[in-house]
Protein backbone atom coordinates (compact mmCIF):
# COMPACT_ATOMS: atom_id res chain seq x y z
CA MET A 1 80.35 -26.61 -55.38
CA ILE A 2 77.97 -29.24 -54.03
CA PRO A 3 79.91 -32.57 -53.84
CA PHE A 4 77.33 -34.75 -55.60
CA SER A 5 75.09 -34.73 -58.66
CA VAL A 6 71.43 -33.81 -58.19
CA SER A 7 68.35 -34.90 -60.11
CA ALA A 8 65.22 -32.86 -59.42
CA ILE A 9 61.94 -34.74 -59.90
CA VAL A 10 58.52 -33.16 -60.39
CA CYS A 11 55.44 -35.35 -60.95
CA ALA A 12 52.25 -33.62 -62.03
CA TYR A 13 48.62 -34.36 -62.70
CA ASN A 14 46.57 -31.38 -63.95
CA GLU A 15 48.89 -28.72 -62.53
CA ALA A 16 49.04 -26.33 -65.50
CA LYS A 17 48.30 -23.32 -63.27
CA THR A 18 51.34 -23.72 -61.02
CA ILE A 19 54.01 -25.92 -62.62
CA LYS A 20 55.84 -23.51 -64.95
CA PRO A 21 57.49 -21.24 -62.32
CA ILE A 22 58.58 -24.32 -60.37
CA LEU A 23 60.28 -25.86 -63.39
CA GLU A 24 61.95 -22.56 -64.26
CA VAL A 25 63.51 -22.35 -60.79
CA LEU A 26 64.80 -25.91 -61.06
CA VAL A 27 66.29 -25.78 -64.58
CA ASN A 28 68.10 -22.54 -63.75
CA HIS A 29 69.50 -23.63 -60.39
CA PRO A 30 73.29 -24.20 -60.47
CA LYS A 31 73.19 -27.11 -58.00
CA ILE A 32 70.75 -29.15 -60.09
CA ASP A 33 72.21 -31.29 -62.88
CA GLU A 34 68.95 -32.51 -64.41
CA VAL A 35 65.22 -31.96 -64.04
CA ILE A 36 62.93 -34.92 -64.72
CA THR A 37 59.22 -34.21 -64.94
CA VAL A 38 56.35 -36.64 -65.35
CA ASP A 39 52.97 -35.63 -66.68
CA ASP A 40 50.84 -38.44 -65.29
CA GLY A 41 47.98 -38.40 -67.79
CA SER A 42 46.89 -34.78 -67.26
CA LYS A 43 43.75 -33.55 -68.99
CA ASP A 44 44.73 -29.88 -68.88
CA LYS A 45 47.74 -28.12 -70.47
CA THR A 46 50.38 -29.55 -68.13
CA TRP A 47 52.11 -31.53 -70.88
CA LYS A 48 52.01 -28.58 -73.28
CA ILE A 49 53.74 -26.39 -70.69
CA MET A 50 56.39 -29.05 -70.07
CA SER A 51 57.00 -29.45 -73.80
CA GLU A 52 57.65 -25.74 -74.24
CA ILE A 53 60.63 -25.69 -71.87
CA LYS A 54 63.86 -25.88 -73.85
CA ASN A 55 66.86 -26.66 -71.68
CA ASN A 56 69.55 -29.30 -72.08
CA LYS A 57 69.09 -30.56 -68.53
CA PHE A 58 65.30 -30.83 -68.76
CA PHE A 59 63.75 -34.25 -69.46
CA PRO A 60 59.94 -34.48 -69.60
CA ILE A 61 58.09 -37.82 -69.48
CA HIS A 62 54.49 -38.28 -70.60
CA HIS A 63 52.10 -40.94 -69.32
CA PRO A 64 49.16 -41.21 -71.76
CA LYS A 65 46.91 -42.18 -68.85
CA ASN A 66 47.02 -41.57 -65.12
CA LEU A 67 49.03 -44.31 -63.38
CA GLY A 68 49.21 -42.74 -59.93
CA LYS A 69 51.88 -40.82 -58.05
CA GLY A 70 53.87 -43.93 -57.08
CA ALA A 71 54.23 -45.06 -60.70
CA ALA A 72 55.18 -41.54 -61.80
CA VAL A 73 57.87 -41.25 -59.12
CA ALA A 74 59.28 -44.70 -59.92
CA ASP A 75 59.45 -43.88 -63.63
CA ALA A 76 61.36 -40.66 -62.93
CA VAL A 77 63.75 -42.32 -60.49
CA LYS A 78 64.59 -45.05 -63.02
CA LYS A 79 65.55 -42.41 -65.57
CA SER A 80 67.50 -40.22 -63.15
CA ARG A 81 71.30 -40.09 -63.16
CA GLY A 82 71.93 -37.99 -60.06
CA GLU A 83 73.28 -39.31 -56.77
CA ILE A 84 70.82 -37.14 -54.84
CA LEU A 85 67.12 -36.96 -55.66
CA LEU A 86 65.31 -33.70 -54.96
CA PHE A 87 61.52 -34.06 -55.04
CA VAL A 88 59.31 -31.03 -55.55
CA ASP A 89 55.51 -31.02 -55.82
CA ALA A 90 53.95 -29.35 -58.85
CA ASP A 91 51.22 -27.45 -56.97
CA LEU A 92 53.21 -24.83 -55.09
CA TYR A 93 53.20 -21.06 -54.88
CA ASN A 94 56.32 -18.95 -54.24
CA PHE A 95 58.88 -21.69 -54.90
CA HIS A 96 62.30 -20.04 -54.69
CA PRO A 97 65.91 -21.08 -55.50
CA ALA A 98 66.74 -20.69 -51.81
CA HIS A 99 64.31 -23.51 -51.01
CA VAL A 100 66.49 -25.81 -53.12
CA ASP A 101 69.60 -24.81 -51.17
CA LEU A 102 67.87 -25.35 -47.84
CA LEU A 103 66.82 -28.88 -48.79
CA LEU A 104 70.20 -29.91 -50.21
CA ASN A 105 72.64 -28.37 -47.73
CA PRO A 106 72.32 -30.93 -44.87
CA LEU A 107 73.25 -33.76 -47.25
CA GLN A 108 76.64 -32.14 -47.75
CA ILE A 109 77.33 -32.90 -44.08
CA ASP A 110 75.90 -36.43 -44.10
CA ASP A 111 74.44 -38.02 -47.22
CA SER A 112 72.47 -40.55 -45.16
CA ILE A 113 70.23 -37.69 -43.99
CA MET A 114 66.85 -37.19 -45.65
CA THR A 115 65.48 -33.66 -45.58
CA ILE A 116 61.76 -32.90 -45.68
CA GLY A 117 60.53 -29.36 -46.31
CA VAL A 118 57.96 -27.80 -44.01
CA ARG A 119 55.80 -25.38 -45.96
CA GLU A 120 53.97 -22.34 -44.66
CA THR A 121 50.60 -23.45 -43.34
CA GLY A 122 47.67 -22.41 -45.48
CA SER A 123 44.37 -24.05 -44.61
CA LEU A 124 42.94 -24.37 -41.10
CA PHE A 125 43.25 -28.16 -41.47
CA GLU A 126 46.99 -27.90 -42.15
CA LYS A 127 47.48 -25.57 -39.18
CA ASN A 128 45.73 -27.99 -36.83
CA PHE A 129 47.61 -31.06 -38.05
CA ARG A 130 50.97 -29.51 -38.92
CA THR A 131 53.05 -31.80 -36.68
CA PHE A 132 51.54 -34.93 -38.25
CA LEU A 133 51.45 -33.67 -41.85
CA LYS A 134 55.03 -32.43 -42.00
CA SER A 135 56.39 -35.96 -42.39
CA PHE A 136 54.42 -36.32 -45.66
CA GLY A 137 55.81 -33.19 -47.28
CA GLY A 138 56.52 -33.57 -51.00
CA GLU A 139 59.61 -31.37 -50.95
CA ARG A 140 62.49 -33.58 -49.88
CA ALA A 141 66.04 -34.64 -50.72
CA ILE A 142 67.43 -38.16 -50.34
CA HIS A 143 70.35 -40.18 -51.66
CA LYS A 144 69.19 -42.29 -54.57
CA ARG A 145 70.60 -45.55 -53.20
CA TYR A 146 68.09 -45.53 -50.34
CA LEU A 147 65.14 -45.12 -52.67
CA ILE A 148 66.25 -47.73 -55.20
CA ALA A 149 65.97 -50.35 -52.45
CA VAL A 150 62.18 -49.82 -52.19
CA LEU A 151 61.40 -48.69 -55.73
CA LYS A 152 59.10 -51.64 -56.49
CA ARG A 153 56.99 -50.81 -53.46
CA VAL A 154 57.02 -47.10 -54.37
CA GLN A 155 55.72 -47.94 -57.84
CA LYS A 156 52.60 -49.57 -56.39
CA SER A 157 52.06 -47.12 -53.53
CA GLY A 158 49.89 -44.48 -55.21
CA TYR A 159 49.68 -41.49 -52.88
CA GLY A 160 51.57 -43.50 -50.27
CA VAL A 161 54.98 -42.65 -51.76
CA GLU A 162 56.11 -40.47 -48.86
CA ALA A 163 54.95 -43.08 -46.32
CA VAL A 164 57.07 -45.76 -48.02
CA ILE A 165 60.14 -43.51 -48.15
CA ASN A 166 59.73 -42.45 -44.51
CA PHE A 167 59.26 -46.02 -43.29
CA ASN A 168 62.34 -47.22 -45.17
CA HIS A 169 64.51 -44.37 -43.86
CA LEU A 170 63.43 -44.88 -40.27
CA HIS A 171 63.93 -48.63 -40.60
CA ARG A 172 67.55 -47.91 -41.52
CA LYS A 173 67.81 -45.70 -38.42
CA HIS A 174 68.84 -42.75 -40.56
CA LYS A 175 68.16 -39.18 -39.60
CA ILE A 176 65.29 -37.13 -41.02
CA VAL A 177 65.79 -33.36 -40.86
CA TYR A 178 62.77 -31.07 -41.21
CA ILE A 179 63.55 -27.84 -43.06
CA PRO A 180 61.27 -24.79 -42.78
CA LEU A 181 60.64 -23.35 -46.26
CA PRO A 182 59.56 -19.72 -45.73
CA ASN A 183 56.69 -18.38 -47.87
CA LEU A 184 56.21 -21.70 -49.69
CA ILE A 185 52.50 -22.36 -50.03
CA HIS A 186 50.89 -25.63 -51.09
CA LYS A 187 47.85 -25.23 -53.34
CA ALA A 188 44.82 -26.43 -51.40
CA LYS A 189 42.84 -29.28 -52.91
CA THR A 190 39.69 -27.20 -52.47
CA GLU A 191 41.14 -24.85 -55.11
CA LYS A 192 41.44 -27.73 -57.58
CA HIS A 193 38.17 -29.61 -57.11
CA PRO A 194 34.51 -29.06 -56.19
CA ILE A 195 33.83 -30.14 -52.61
CA TYR A 196 32.45 -33.61 -53.43
CA LYS A 197 35.48 -34.44 -55.56
CA TYR A 198 37.81 -32.95 -52.95
CA ILE A 199 36.41 -35.31 -50.30
CA THR A 200 36.67 -38.27 -52.70
CA GLU A 201 40.30 -37.44 -53.53
CA TYR A 202 41.07 -36.88 -49.85
CA ILE A 203 39.74 -40.33 -48.93
CA LYS A 204 41.63 -42.00 -51.79
CA GLU A 205 44.90 -40.28 -50.94
CA ASN A 206 44.77 -41.10 -47.26
CA THR A 207 43.68 -44.70 -47.87
CA GLU A 208 46.84 -45.25 -49.92
CA VAL A 209 48.96 -43.62 -47.21
CA ILE A 210 47.42 -45.69 -44.40
CA LYS A 211 47.89 -48.93 -46.37
CA GLN A 212 51.65 -48.42 -46.44
CA TYR A 213 51.78 -48.41 -42.64
CA PHE A 214 49.71 -51.56 -42.29
CA ASP A 215 49.52 -53.89 -45.27
CA PRO A 216 50.09 -52.51 -48.80
CA GLU A 217 48.23 -55.51 -50.25
CA ASN A 218 45.17 -55.10 -48.02
CA LYS A 219 42.23 -54.98 -50.47
CA VAL A 220 39.62 -54.98 -47.69
CA LEU A 221 40.71 -51.58 -46.36
CA GLU A 222 40.89 -50.18 -49.88
CA GLY A 223 37.44 -51.55 -50.75
CA PHE A 224 35.89 -50.01 -47.63
CA PHE A 225 37.12 -46.52 -48.46
CA ASN A 226 36.22 -46.94 -52.12
CA GLN A 227 32.60 -47.63 -51.09
CA ILE A 228 32.55 -44.38 -49.13
CA ALA A 229 34.01 -42.49 -52.09
CA GLN A 230 31.42 -43.98 -54.46
CA LYS A 231 28.56 -42.83 -52.24
CA LEU A 232 29.95 -39.29 -52.21
CA ARG A 233 29.91 -39.21 -56.01
CA VAL A 234 26.19 -40.03 -56.18
C-alpha cells in the first residue's frame, strides 16, 4: 500500500468531450482516496457529466462563473484531505491508471520530490519546445504542505499556477522529477477554439505564466498583452 493519502484534483472549463474517462480512471484507482473536481463556470455539459458520477470518494465543486485556473486549484486544495495532491488536466486523451502510479511512485521514496508528467508530443509547436514546456505540465504530484505555503499566490495566478508551484519548489531546493507518460495526449487548443480565439487564449495564458516569474502584480505587462488580444478579436 502507498504510505500516504492521496487527493486527485481535476479543474475543468468546457471540457465535456474529454473529462469523463479521466474521472473514471481516478475514482477507480486504489491509490487515490478522494477525487475533487472543479467546474470553473463551464458553458458546456462539463458540470452535468461531473454530477452524474456517483462514487463515495468523488467530490465535485461548481463555480457559477469562470474564476480562472488559479482560483479553481486553490478551492480544490482547500477542500482536499490527502497528504499528497495529484493534479490531472481535464483535456487529455488516453489517460491510464498506470499514469497515476508513475506520478506517485517517486514520492514513496522521498515525499519532498515533486513529479511532473511529460506527455507524448502532439503538435509541431510542442515538439519544438518540449524541453521548455515540460516544466509546465499539468499532471503532477506534490506533498500538500508545500502547496499550502503559496496557496494565496496560486489563487491569484490564473494560468500561472504551474509557474508558482515550480518556483516555490525550486526555492526550497527540492527535487523535481520528470516522468514520461506514454501515449498520453494533451488536447490541442486549436481543437477547442477557432484560430482567433486560440491566439487570444494563448496570449492570455502565457501572460499569466510570465507574470509569475517577474512581478505577479505587474498591471503594465498584463495591459500590454490585453491590448494585443483585443485587436485580435476585432
